[in-house]
């Protein structure tokens, strides 16, 4: 069991997009649920937001996950009212401890 598991206080579903040919020269994108994972969702610091702005992305949340969570860039982490687009996934300096996913929250279309 991961050393950070006790700090992961919420669960979220991982969704991944796949593209298939539409038969007319275009693509159809579909989303499929990959798994359900435990997570801790927190706000980034002001310094983290500045660094994200400099790299051209909008960082709104940092999500911490178990080291073996099947999450990668481009995935979506979904909860009942919120959807987080995964901008990047990082492993800390001690591999196997946890994963950190920089995310941007997406508001639902009305």
PDB file of N, CA and C in Angstrom:
ATOM      1  N   UNK A   1       0.840  -1.184   0.000  1.00  0.00           N
ATOM      2  CA  UNK A   1       0.000   0.000   0.000  1.00  0.00           C
ATOM      3  C   UNK A   1       0.882   1.244   0.000  1.00  0.00           C
ATOM      4  N   UNK A   2       0.474   2.222  -0.747  1.00  0.00           N
ATOM      5  CA  UNK A   2       1.215   3.472  -0.861  1.00  0.00           C
ATOM      6  C   UNK A   2       1.241   4.210   0.475  1.00  0.00           C
ATOM      7  N   UNK A   3       2.328   4.919   0.711  1.00  0.00           N
ATOM      8  CA  UNK A   3       2.451   5.673   1.948  1.00  0.00           C
ATOM      9  C   UNK A   3       1.511   6.871   1.998  1.00  0.00           C
ATOM     10  N   UNK A   4       0.995   7.299   0.854  1.00  0.00           N
ATOM     11  CA  UNK A   4       0.105   8.454   0.829  1.00  0.00           C
ATOM     12  C   UNK A   4      -1.366   8.067   0.760  1.00  0.00           C
ATOM     13  N   UNK A   5      -1.668   6.799   0.727  1.00  0.00           N
ATOM     14  CA  UNK A   5      -3.057   6.347   0.557  1.00  0.00           C
ATOM     15  C   UNK A   5      -4.001   6.929   1.599  1.00  0.00           C
ATOM     16  N   UNK A   6      -3.548   7.083   2.821  1.00  0.00           N
ATOM     17  CA  UNK A   6      -4.422   7.599   3.877  1.00  0.00           C
ATOM     18  C   UNK A   6      -4.777   9.068   3.663  1.00  0.00           C
ATOM     19  N   UNK A   7      -4.007   9.781   2.827  1.00  0.00           N
ATOM     20  CA  UNK A   7      -4.271  11.193   2.557  1.00  0.00           C
ATOM     21  C   UNK A   7      -5.218  11.411   1.375  1.00  0.00           C
ATOM     22  N   UNK A   8      -5.482  10.357   0.630  1.00  0.00           N
ATOM     23  CA  UNK A   8      -6.344  10.466  -0.541  1.00  0.00           C
ATOM     24  C   UNK A   8      -7.798  10.396  -0.072  1.00  0.00           C
ATOM     25  N   UNK A   9      -8.463  11.548  -0.018  1.00  0.00           N
ATOM     26  CA  UNK A   9      -9.739  11.648   0.679  1.00  0.00           C
ATOM     27  C   UNK A   9     -10.979  11.684  -0.220  1.00  0.00           C
ATOM     28  N   UNK A  10     -10.828  11.444  -1.503  1.00  0.00           N
ATOM     29  CA  UNK A  10     -11.977  11.442  -2.397  1.00  0.00           C
ATOM     30  C   UNK A  10     -11.748  10.416  -3.510  1.00  0.00           C
ATOM     31  N   UNK A  11     -12.804  10.074  -4.204  1.00  0.00           N
ATOM     32  CA  UNK A  11     -12.603   9.178  -5.341  1.00  0.00           C
ATOM     33  C   UNK A  11     -13.057   9.883  -6.607  1.00  0.00           C
ATOM     34  N   UNK A  12     -12.451   9.522  -7.704  1.00  0.00           N
ATOM     35  CA  UNK A  12     -12.744  10.121  -8.992  1.00  0.00           C
ATOM     36  C   UNK A  12     -12.604   9.058 -10.077  1.00  0.00           C
ATOM     37  N   UNK A  13     -13.297   9.240 -11.172  1.00  0.00           N
ATOM     38  CA  UNK A  13     -13.186   8.281 -12.266  1.00  0.00           C
ATOM     39  C   UNK A  13     -12.232   8.828 -13.323  1.00  0.00           C
ATOM     40  N   UNK A  14     -11.474   7.933 -13.916  1.00  0.00           N
ATOM     41  CA  UNK A  14     -10.523   8.288 -14.966  1.00  0.00           C
ATOM     42  C   UNK A  14     -11.167   7.952 -16.310  1.00  0.00           C
ATOM     43  N   UNK A  15     -11.218   8.925 -17.206  1.00  0.00           N
ATOM     44  CA  UNK A  15     -11.781   8.751 -18.547  1.00  0.00           C
ATOM     45  C   UNK A  15     -10.693   9.037 -19.566  1.00  0.00           C
ATOM     46  N   UNK A  16     -10.667   8.260 -20.639  1.00  0.00           N
ATOM     47  CA  UNK A  16      -9.652   8.401 -21.690  1.00  0.00           C
ATOM     48  C   UNK A  16     -10.340   8.455 -23.056  1.00  0.00           C
ATOM     49  N   UNK A  17      -9.862   9.358 -23.891  1.00  0.00           N
ATOM     50  CA  UNK A  17     -10.425   9.523 -25.234  1.00  0.00           C
ATOM     51  C   UNK A  17      -9.760   8.550 -26.205  1.00  0.00           C
ATOM     52  N   UNK A  18     -10.539   8.116 -27.164  1.00  0.00           N
ATOM     53  CA  UNK A  18      -9.989   7.324 -28.266  1.00  0.00           C
ATOM     54  C   UNK A  18     -10.622   7.824 -29.550  1.00  0.00           C
ATOM     55  N   UNK A  19      -9.861   7.739 -30.631  1.00  0.00           N
ATOM     56  CA  UNK A  19     -10.349   8.204 -31.925  1.00  0.00           C
ATOM     57  C   UNK A  19     -10.536   7.018 -32.854  1.00  0.00           C
ATOM     58  N   UNK A  20     -11.645   7.027 -33.560  1.00  0.00           N
ATOM     59  CA  UNK A  20     -11.896   5.995 -34.564  1.00  0.00           C
ATOM     60  C   UNK A  20     -12.304   6.687 -35.859  1.00  0.00           C
ATOM     61  N   UNK A  21     -12.012   6.058 -36.956  1.00  0.00           N
ATOM     62  CA  UNK A  21     -12.346   6.604 -38.261  1.00  0.00           C
ATOM     63  C   UNK A  21     -13.858   6.622 -38.429  1.00  0.00           C
ATOM     64  N   UNK A  22     -14.357   7.692 -39.030  1.00  0.00           N
ATOM     65  CA  UNK A  22     -15.793   7.764 -39.294  1.00  0.00           C
ATOM     66  C   UNK A  22     -16.148   7.219 -40.678  1.00  0.00           C
ATOM     67  N   UNK A  23     -15.140   6.736 -41.408  1.00  0.00           N
ATOM     68  CA  UNK A  23     -15.369   6.161 -42.721  1.00  0.00           C
ATOM     69  C   UNK A  23     -15.474   7.185 -43.841  1.00  0.00           C
ATOM     70  N   UNK A  24     -15.400   8.457 -43.489  1.00  0.00           N
ATOM     71  CA  UNK A  24     -15.509   9.523 -44.484  1.00  0.00           C
ATOM     72  C   UNK A  24     -14.267  10.411 -44.507  1.00  0.00           C
ATOM     73  N   UNK A  25     -13.181   9.922 -43.935  1.00  0.00           N
ATOM     74  CA  UNK A  25     -11.938  10.695 -43.902  1.00  0.00           C
ATOM     75  C   UNK A  25     -11.746  11.505 -42.639  1.00  0.00           C
ATOM     76  N   UNK A  26     -12.674  11.425 -41.728  1.00  0.00           N
ATOM     77  CA  UNK A  26     -12.571  12.154 -40.465  1.00  0.00           C
ATOM     78  C   UNK A  26     -12.461  11.205 -39.285  1.00  0.00           C
ATOM     79  N   UNK A  27     -12.556  11.758 -38.109  1.00  0.00           N
ATOM     80  CA  UNK A  27     -12.420  10.990 -36.886  1.00  0.00           C
ATOM     81  C   UNK A  27     -13.576  11.275 -35.949  1.00  0.00           C
ATOM     82  N   UNK A  28     -13.924  10.281 -35.163  1.00  0.00           N
ATOM     83  CA  UNK A  28     -14.917  10.422 -34.106  1.00  0.00           C
ATOM     84  C   UNK A  28     -14.199  10.152 -32.787  1.00  0.00           C
ATOM     85  N   UNK A  29     -14.310  11.099 -31.855  1.00  0.00           N
ATOM     86  CA  UNK A  29     -13.669  10.935 -30.548  1.00  0.00           C
ATOM     87  C   UNK A  29     -14.707  10.452 -29.552  1.00  0.00           C
ATOM     88  N   UNK A  30     -14.381   9.379 -28.837  1.00  0.00           N
ATOM     89  CA  UNK A  30     -15.263   8.860 -27.804  1.00  0.00           C
ATOM     90  C   UNK A  30     -14.482   8.747 -26.501  1.00  0.00           C
ATOM     91  N   UNK A  31     -15.185   8.889 -25.403  1.00  0.00           N
ATOM     92  CA  UNK A  31     -14.572   8.796 -24.082  1.00  0.00           C
ATOM     93  C   UNK A  31     -15.042   7.511 -23.410  1.00  0.00           C
ATOM     94  N   UNK A  32     -14.113   6.813 -22.774  1.00  0.00           N
ATOM     95  CA  UNK A  32     -14.433   5.580 -22.054  1.00  0.00           C
ATOM     96  C   UNK A  32     -13.839   5.643 -20.657  1.00  0.00           C
ATOM     97  N   UNK A  33     -14.572   5.129 -19.695  1.00  0.00           N
ATOM     98  CA  UNK A  33     -14.069   5.099 -18.326  1.00  0.00           C
ATOM     99  C   UNK A  33     -12.996   4.032 -18.210  1.00  0.00           C
ATOM    100  N   UNK A  34     -11.844   4.427 -17.657  1.00  0.00           N
ATOM    101  CA  UNK A  34     -10.711   3.520 -17.483  1.00  0.00           C
ATOM    102  C   UNK A  34     -10.743   2.866 -16.116  1.00  0.00           C
ATOM    103  N   UNK A  35     -10.953   3.665 -15.076  1.00  0.00           N
ATOM    104  CA  UNK A  35     -10.986   3.129 -13.716  1.00  0.00           C
ATOM    105  C   UNK A  35     -11.507   4.182 -12.746  1.00  0.00           C
ATOM    106  N   UNK A  36     -11.647   3.765 -11.507  1.00  0.00           N
ATOM    107  CA  UNK A  36     -11.973   4.668 -10.410  1.00  0.00           C
ATOM    108  C   UNK A  36     -10.776   4.662  -9.472  1.00  0.00           C
ATOM    109  N   UNK A  37     -10.321   5.860  -9.084  1.00  0.00           N
ATOM    110  CA  UNK A  37      -9.121   5.966  -8.248  1.00  0.00           C
ATOM    111  C   UNK A  37      -9.386   6.873  -7.062  1.00  0.00           C
ATOM    112  N   UNK A  38      -8.604   6.676  -6.012  1.00  0.00           N
ATOM    113  CA  UNK A  38      -8.621   7.568  -4.853  1.00  0.00           C
ATOM    114  C   UNK A  38      -7.712   8.742  -5.166  1.00  0.00           C
ATOM    115  N   UNK A  39      -8.094   9.933  -4.693  1.00  0.00           N
ATOM    116  CA  UNK A  39      -7.336  11.138  -5.025  1.00  0.00           C
ATOM    117  C   UNK A  39      -7.456  12.177  -3.921  1.00  0.00           C
ATOM    118  N   UNK A  40      -6.582  13.135  -3.985  1.00  0.00           N
ATOM    119  CA  UNK A  40      -6.666  14.330  -3.147  1.00  0.00           C
ATOM    120  C   UNK A  40      -6.577  15.511  -4.099  1.00  0.00           C
ATOM    121  N   UNK A  41      -7.600  16.349  -4.099  1.00  0.00           N
ATOM    122  CA  UNK A  41      -7.665  17.478  -5.015  1.00  0.00           C
ATOM    123  C   UNK A  41      -7.401  18.750  -4.216  1.00  0.00           C
ATOM    124  N   UNK A  42      -6.387  19.504  -4.632  1.00  0.00           N
ATOM    125  CA  UNK A  42      -6.058  20.737  -3.927  1.00  0.00           C
ATOM    126  C   UNK A  42      -5.809  21.864  -4.915  1.00  0.00           C
ATOM    127  N   UNK A  43      -5.811  23.070  -4.403  1.00  0.00           N
ATOM    128  CA  UNK A  43      -5.546  24.249  -5.217  1.00  0.00           C
ATOM    129  C   UNK A  43      -4.032  24.437  -5.338  1.00  0.00           C
ATOM    130  N   UNK A  44      -3.540  24.860  -6.498  1.00  0.00           N
ATOM    131  CA  UNK A  44      -2.105  25.136  -6.622  1.00  0.00           C
ATOM    132  C   UNK A  44      -1.765  26.461  -5.948  1.00  0.00           C
ATOM    133  N   UNK A  45      -0.510  26.601  -5.585  1.00  0.00           N
ATOM    134  CA  UNK A  45      -0.056  27.859  -4.997  1.00  0.00           C
ATOM    135  C   UNK A  45       0.059  28.918  -6.083  1.00  0.00           C
ATOM    136  N   UNK A  46       0.221  30.154  -5.666  1.00  0.00           N
ATOM    137  CA  UNK A  46       0.380  31.246  -6.633  1.00  0.00           C
ATOM    138  C   UNK A  46       1.612  31.025  -7.503  1.00  0.00           C
ATOM    139  N   UNK A  47       2.695  30.552  -6.907  1.00  0.00           N
ATOM    140  CA  UNK A  47       3.921  30.302  -7.674  1.00  0.00           C
ATOM    141  C   UNK A  47       3.707  29.208  -8.715  1.00  0.00           C
ATOM    142  N   UNK A  48       2.970  28.162  -8.359  1.00  0.00           N
ATOM    143  CA  UNK A  48       2.686  27.089  -9.312  1.00  0.00           C
ATOM    144  C   UNK A  48       1.840  27.597 -10.482  1.00  0.00           C
ATOM    145  N   UNK A  49       0.916  28.505 -10.188  1.00  0.00           N
ATOM    146  CA  UNK A  49       0.092  29.075 -11.261  1.00  0.00           C
ATOM    147  C   UNK A  49       0.932  29.921 -12.212  1.00  0.00           C
ATOM    148  N   UNK A  50       1.873  30.675 -11.671  1.00  0.00           N
ATOM    149  CA  UNK A  50       2.743  31.508 -12.509  1.00  0.00           C
ATOM    150  C   UNK A  50       3.582  30.636 -13.430  1.00  0.00           C
ATOM    151  N   UNK A  51       4.145  29.563 -12.901  1.00  0.00           N
ATOM    152  CA  UNK A  51       4.949  28.649 -13.711  1.00  0.00           C
ATOM    153  C   UNK A  51       4.098  28.021 -14.805  1.00  0.00           C
ATOM    154  N   UNK A  52       2.873  27.634 -14.482  1.00  0.00           N
ATOM    155  CA  UNK A  52       1.981  27.055 -15.488  1.00  0.00           C
ATOM    156  C   UNK A  52       1.644  28.077 -16.568  1.00  0.00           C
ATOM    157  N   UNK A  53       1.408  29.323 -16.155  1.00  0.00           N
ATOM    158  CA  UNK A  53       1.122  30.371 -17.136  1.00  0.00           C
ATOM    159  C   UNK A  53       2.291  30.559 -18.095  1.00  0.00           C
ATOM    160  N   UNK A  54       3.506  30.463 -17.577  1.00  0.00           N
ATOM    161  CA  UNK A  54       4.684  30.637 -18.416  1.00  0.00           C
ATOM    162  C   UNK A  54       4.832  29.496 -19.416  1.00  0.00           C
ATOM    163  N   UNK A  55       4.324  28.319 -19.078  1.00  0.00           N
ATOM    164  CA  UNK A  55       4.420  27.190 -20.007  1.00  0.00           C
ATOM    165  C   UNK A  55       3.225  27.131 -20.951  1.00  0.00           C
ATOM    166  N   UNK A  56       2.310  28.077 -20.821  1.00  0.00           N
ATOM    167  CA  UNK A  56       1.190  28.168 -21.743  1.00  0.00           C
ATOM    168  C   UNK A  56      -0.024  27.353 -21.363  1.00  0.00           C
ATOM    169  N   UNK A  57      -0.109  26.880 -20.133  1.00  0.00           N
ATOM    170  CA  UNK A  57      -1.292  26.132 -19.714  1.00  0.00           C
ATOM    171  C   UNK A  57      -1.959  26.839 -18.537  1.00  0.00           C
ATOM    172  N   UNK A  58      -3.192  26.469 -18.278  1.00  0.00           N
ATOM    173  CA  UNK A  58      -3.938  27.054 -17.178  1.00  0.00           C
ATOM    174  C   UNK A  58      -4.079  26.009 -16.084  1.00  0.00           C
ATOM    175  N   UNK A  59      -3.325  26.182 -15.029  1.00  0.00           N
ATOM    176  CA  UNK A  59      -3.354  25.247 -13.911  1.00  0.00           C
ATOM    177  C   UNK A  59      -4.364  25.724 -12.885  1.00  0.00           C
ATOM    178  N   UNK A  60      -5.400  24.924 -12.622  1.00  0.00           N
ATOM    179  CA  UNK A  60      -6.400  25.321 -11.640  1.00  0.00           C
ATOM    180  C   UNK A  60      -6.409  24.414 -10.418  1.00  0.00           C
ATOM    181  N   UNK A  61      -5.945  23.174 -10.570  1.00  0.00           N
ATOM    182  CA  UNK A  61      -5.938  22.236  -9.452  1.00  0.00           C
ATOM    183  C   UNK A  61      -4.749  21.285  -9.569  1.00  0.00           C
ATOM    184  N   UNK A  62      -4.310  20.810  -8.425  1.00  0.00           N
ATOM    185  CA  UNK A  62      -3.303  19.754  -8.360  1.00  0.00           C
ATOM    186  C   UNK A  62      -3.992  18.547  -7.745  1.00  0.00           C
ATOM    187  N   UNK A  63      -3.873  17.400  -8.411  1.00  0.00           N
ATOM    188  CA  UNK A  63      -4.502  16.179  -7.931  1.00  0.00           C
ATOM    189  C   UNK A  63      -3.404  15.179  -7.601  1.00  0.00           C
ATOM    190  N   UNK A  64      -3.444  14.658  -6.378  1.00  0.00           N
ATOM    191  CA  UNK A  64      -2.482  13.653  -5.943  1.00  0.00           C
ATOM    192  C   UNK A  64      -3.135  12.280  -6.014  1.00  0.00           C
ATOM    193  N   UNK A  65      -2.396  11.295  -6.526  1.00  0.00           N
ATOM    194  CA  UNK A  65      -2.920   9.956  -6.760  1.00  0.00           C
ATOM    195  C   UNK A  65      -1.914   8.914  -6.285  1.00  0.00           C
ATOM    196  N   UNK A  66      -2.390   7.678  -6.154  1.00  0.00           N
ATOM    197  CA  UNK A  66      -1.459   6.585  -5.857  1.00  0.00           C
ATOM    198  C   UNK A  66      -0.476   6.429  -7.008  1.00  0.00           C
ATOM    199  N   UNK A  67       0.685   5.904  -6.720  1.00  0.00           N
ATOM    200  CA  UNK A  67       1.735   5.758  -7.724  1.00  0.00           C
ATOM    201  C   UNK A  67       1.334   4.838  -8.874  1.00  0.00           C
ATOM    202  N   UNK A  68       0.417   3.917  -8.629  1.00  0.00           N
ATOM    203  CA  UNK A  68       0.017   2.974  -9.670  1.00  0.00           C
ATOM    204  C   UNK A  68      -1.282   3.380 -10.382  1.00  0.00           C
ATOM    205  N   UNK A  69      -1.733   4.615 -10.172  1.00  0.00           N
ATOM    206  CA  UNK A  69      -2.979   5.068 -10.809  1.00  0.00           C
ATOM    207  C   UNK A  69      -2.784   5.163 -12.325  1.00  0.00           C
ATOM    208  N   UNK A  70      -3.742   4.657 -13.113  1.00  0.00           N
ATOM    209  CA  UNK A  70      -3.615   4.667 -14.572  1.00  0.00           C
ATOM    210  C   UNK A  70      -4.037   6.011 -15.164  1.00  0.00           C
ATOM    211  N   UNK A  71      -3.290   7.062 -14.839  1.00  0.00           N
ATOM    212  CA  UNK A  71      -3.617   8.409 -15.290  1.00  0.00           C
ATOM    213  C   UNK A  71      -2.469   8.934 -16.141  1.00  0.00           C
ATOM    214  N   UNK A  72      -2.819   9.576 -17.268  1.00  0.00           N
ATOM    215  CA  UNK A  72      -1.796  10.171 -18.135  1.00  0.00           C
ATOM    216  C   UNK A  72      -2.329  11.474 -18.728  1.00  0.00           C
ATOM    217  N   UNK A  73      -1.419  12.231 -19.327  1.00  0.00           N
ATOM    218  CA  UNK A  73      -1.781  13.513 -19.924  1.00  0.00           C
ATOM    219  C   UNK A  73      -2.891  13.318 -20.956  1.00  0.00           C
ATOM    220  N   UNK A  74      -3.875  14.210 -20.926  1.00  0.00           N
ATOM    221  CA  UNK A  74      -4.993  14.118 -21.851  1.00  0.00           C
ATOM    222  C   UNK A  74      -6.215  13.419 -21.278  1.00  0.00           C
ATOM    223  N   UNK A  75      -6.046  12.691 -20.182  1.00  0.00           N
ATOM    224  CA  UNK A  75      -7.180  12.032 -19.539  1.00  0.00           C
ATOM    225  C   UNK A  75      -8.073  13.075 -18.874  1.00  0.00           C
ATOM    226  N   UNK A  76      -9.242  12.640 -18.461  1.00  0.00           N
ATOM    227  CA  UNK A  76     -10.127  13.462 -17.647  1.00  0.00           C
ATOM    228  C   UNK A  76     -10.401  12.736 -16.343  1.00  0.00           C
ATOM    229  N   UNK A  77     -10.378  13.488 -15.249  1.00  0.00           N
ATOM    230  CA  UNK A  77     -10.776  12.971 -13.941  1.00  0.00           C
ATOM    231  C   UNK A  77     -12.142  13.579 -13.663  1.00  0.00           C
ATOM    232  N   UNK A  78     -13.138  12.728 -13.478  1.00  0.00           N
ATOM    233  CA  UNK A  78     -14.511  13.217 -13.337  1.00  0.00           C
ATOM    234  C   UNK A  78     -15.079  12.889 -11.969  1.00  0.00           C
ATOM    235  N   UNK A  79     -15.741  13.897 -11.420  1.00  0.00           N
ATOM    236  CA  UNK A  79     -16.545  13.742 -10.215  1.00  0.00           C
ATOM    237  C   UNK A  79     -17.953  14.175 -10.594  1.00  0.00           C
ATOM    238  N   UNK A  80     -18.879  14.071  -9.686  1.00  0.00           N
ATOM    239  CA  UNK A  80     -20.280  14.366  -9.995  1.00  0.00           C
ATOM    240  C   UNK A  80     -20.460  15.748 -10.627  1.00  0.00           C
ATOM    241  N   UNK A  81     -19.833  16.767 -10.071  1.00  0.00           N
ATOM    242  CA  UNK A  81     -20.084  18.127 -10.541  1.00  0.00           C
ATOM    243  C   UNK A  81     -18.906  18.737 -11.300  1.00  0.00           C
ATOM    244  N   UNK A  82     -17.758  18.073 -11.319  1.00  0.00           N
ATOM    245  CA  UNK A  82     -16.575  18.683 -11.929  1.00  0.00           C
ATOM    246  C   UNK A  82     -15.848  17.696 -12.837  1.00  0.00           C
ATOM    247  N   UNK A  83     -15.209  18.251 -13.861  1.00  0.00           N
ATOM    248  CA  UNK A  83     -14.355  17.470 -14.754  1.00  0.00           C
ATOM    249  C   UNK A  83     -13.007  18.163 -14.813  1.00  0.00           C
ATOM    250  N   UNK A  84     -11.933  17.402 -14.551  1.00  0.00           N
ATOM    251  CA  UNK A  84     -10.579  17.930 -14.564  1.00  0.00           C
ATOM    252  C   UNK A  84      -9.832  17.375 -15.772  1.00  0.00           C
ATOM    253  N   UNK A  85      -9.314  18.245 -16.623  1.00  0.00           N
ATOM    254  CA  UNK A  85      -8.480  17.824 -17.751  1.00  0.00           C
ATOM    255  C   UNK A  85      -7.046  17.712 -17.237  1.00  0.00           C
ATOM    256  N   UNK A  86      -6.420  16.556 -17.439  1.00  0.00           N
ATOM    257  CA  UNK A  86      -5.054  16.336 -16.967  1.00  0.00           C
ATOM    258  C   UNK A  86      -4.080  16.982 -17.950  1.00  0.00           C
ATOM    259  N   UNK A  87      -3.341  17.990 -17.469  1.00  0.00           N
ATOM    260  CA  UNK A  87      -2.370  18.697 -18.294  1.00  0.00           C
ATOM    261  C   UNK A  87      -1.018  17.999 -18.297  1.00  0.00           C
ATOM    262  N   UNK A  88      -0.632  17.432 -17.155  1.00  0.00           N
ATOM    263  CA  UNK A  88       0.656  16.749 -17.029  1.00  0.00           C
ATOM    264  C   UNK A  88       0.630  15.868 -15.795  1.00  0.00           C
ATOM    265  N   UNK A  89       1.417  14.800 -15.820  1.00  0.00           N
ATOM    266  CA  UNK A  89       1.525  13.896 -14.679  1.00  0.00           C
ATOM    267  C   UNK A  89       3.004  13.799 -14.308  1.00  0.00           C
ATOM    268  N   UNK A  90       3.301  13.965 -13.024  1.00  0.00           N
ATOM    269  CA  UNK A  90       4.672  13.941 -12.532  1.00  0.00           C
ATOM    270  C   UNK A  90       4.826  12.900 -11.435  1.00  0.00           C
ATOM    271  N   UNK A  91       6.006  12.327 -11.362  1.00  0.00           N
ATOM    272  CA  UNK A  91       6.367  11.431 -10.275  1.00  0.00           C
ATOM    273  C   UNK A  91       7.354  12.193  -9.401  1.00  0.00           C
ATOM    274  N   UNK A  92       7.271  12.074  -8.081  1.00  0.00           N
ATOM    275  CA  UNK A  92       8.205  12.806  -7.217  1.00  0.00           C
ATOM    276  C   UNK A  92       9.617  12.252  -7.341  1.00  0.00           C
ATOM    277  N   UNK A  93      10.533  12.871  -6.614  1.00  0.00           N
ATOM    278  CA  UNK A  93      11.931  12.447  -6.686  1.00  0.00           C
ATOM    279  C   UNK A  93      12.146  11.032  -6.164  1.00  0.00           C
ATOM    280  N   UNK A  94      11.233  10.542  -5.342  1.00  0.00           N
ATOM    281  CA  UNK A  94      11.299   9.155  -4.871  1.00  0.00           C
ATOM    282  C   UNK A  94      10.239   8.342  -5.609  1.00  0.00           C
ATOM    283  N   UNK A  95      10.630   7.628  -6.659  1.00  0.00           N
ATOM    284  CA  UNK A  95       9.655   6.888  -7.471  1.00  0.00           C
ATOM    285  C   UNK A  95       8.832   5.904  -6.637  1.00  0.00           C
ATOM    286  N   UNK A  96       7.575   5.732  -7.062  1.00  0.00           N
ATOM    287  CA  UNK A  96       6.701   4.784  -6.384  1.00  0.00           C
ATOM    288  C   UNK A  96       5.993   5.333  -5.174  1.00  0.00           C
ATOM    289  N   UNK A  97       6.156   6.625  -4.890  1.00  0.00           N
ATOM    290  CA  UNK A  97       5.521   7.223  -3.722  1.00  0.00           C
ATOM    291  C   UNK A  97       4.103   7.682  -4.039  1.00  0.00           C
ATOM    292  N   UNK A  98       3.955   8.515  -5.066  1.00  0.00           N
ATOM    293  CA  UNK A  98       2.654   9.011  -5.490  1.00  0.00           C
ATOM    294  C   UNK A  98       2.799   9.634  -6.869  1.00  0.00           C
ATOM    295  N   UNK A  99       1.693  10.013  -7.469  1.00  0.00           N
ATOM    296  CA  UNK A  99       1.686  10.771  -8.710  1.00  0.00           C
ATOM    297  C   UNK A  99       1.035  12.117  -8.446  1.00  0.00           C
ATOM    298  N   UNK A 100       1.513  13.113  -9.131  1.00  0.00           N
ATOM    299  CA  UNK A 100       0.916  14.450  -9.066  1.00  0.00           C
ATOM    300  C   UNK A 100       0.430  14.779 -10.464  1.00  0.00           C
ATOM    301  N   UNK A 101      -0.844  15.127 -10.582  1.00  0.00           N
ATOM    302  CA  UNK A 101      -1.419  15.492 -11.876  1.00  0.00           C
ATOM    303  C   UNK A 101      -1.818  16.969 -11.831  1.00  0.00           C
ATOM    304  N   UNK A 102      -1.212  17.754 -12.721  1.00  0.00           N
ATOM    305  CA  UNK A 102      -1.628  19.145 -12.865  1.00  0.00           C
ATOM    306  C   UNK A 102      -2.859  19.150 -13.756  1.00  0.00           C
ATOM    307  N   UNK A 103      -3.917  19.808 -13.297  1.00  0.00           N
ATOM    308  CA  UNK A 103      -5.202  19.732 -13.991  1.00  0.00           C
ATOM    309  C   UNK A 103      -5.827  21.105 -14.181  1.00  0.00           C
ATOM    310  N   UNK A 104      -6.729  21.151 -15.141  1.00  0.00           N
ATOM    311  CA  UNK A 104      -7.546  22.334 -15.390  1.00  0.00           C
ATOM    312  C   UNK A 104      -8.998  21.890 -15.258  1.00  0.00           C
ATOM    313  N   UNK A 105      -9.759  22.595 -14.431  1.00  0.00           N
ATOM    314  CA  UNK A 105     -11.147  22.230 -14.247  1.00  0.00           C
ATOM    315  C   UNK A 105     -11.963  22.741 -15.430  1.00  0.00           C
ATOM    316  N   UNK A 106     -12.891  21.912 -15.873  1.00  0.00           N
ATOM    317  CA  UNK A 106     -13.793  22.288 -16.964  1.00  0.00           C
ATOM    318  C   UNK A 106     -15.191  22.379 -16.412  1.00  0.00           C
ATOM    319  N   UNK A 107     -15.841  23.506 -16.668  1.00  0.00           N
ATOM    320  CA  UNK A 107     -17.214  23.649 -16.217  1.00  0.00           C
ATOM    321  C   UNK A 107     -18.139  22.989 -17.232  1.00  0.00           C
ATOM    322  N   UNK A 108     -19.208  22.410 -16.754  1.00  0.00           N
ATOM    323  CA  UNK A 108     -20.159  21.735 -17.631  1.00  0.00           C
ATOM    324  C   UNK A 108     -20.897  22.752 -18.495  1.00  0.00           C
ATOM    325  N   UNK A 109     -21.182  22.353 -19.720  1.00  0.00           N
ATOM    326  CA  UNK A 109     -21.979  23.188 -20.614  1.00  0.00           C
ATOM    327  C   UNK A 109     -23.423  23.198 -20.107  1.00  0.00           C
ATOM    328  N   UNK A 110     -24.041  24.339 -20.197  1.00  0.00           N
ATOM    329  CA  UNK A 110     -25.430  24.456 -19.744  1.00  0.00           C
ATOM    330  C   UNK A 110     -26.380  24.140 -20.852  1.00  0.00           C
TER     331      UNK A 110
END
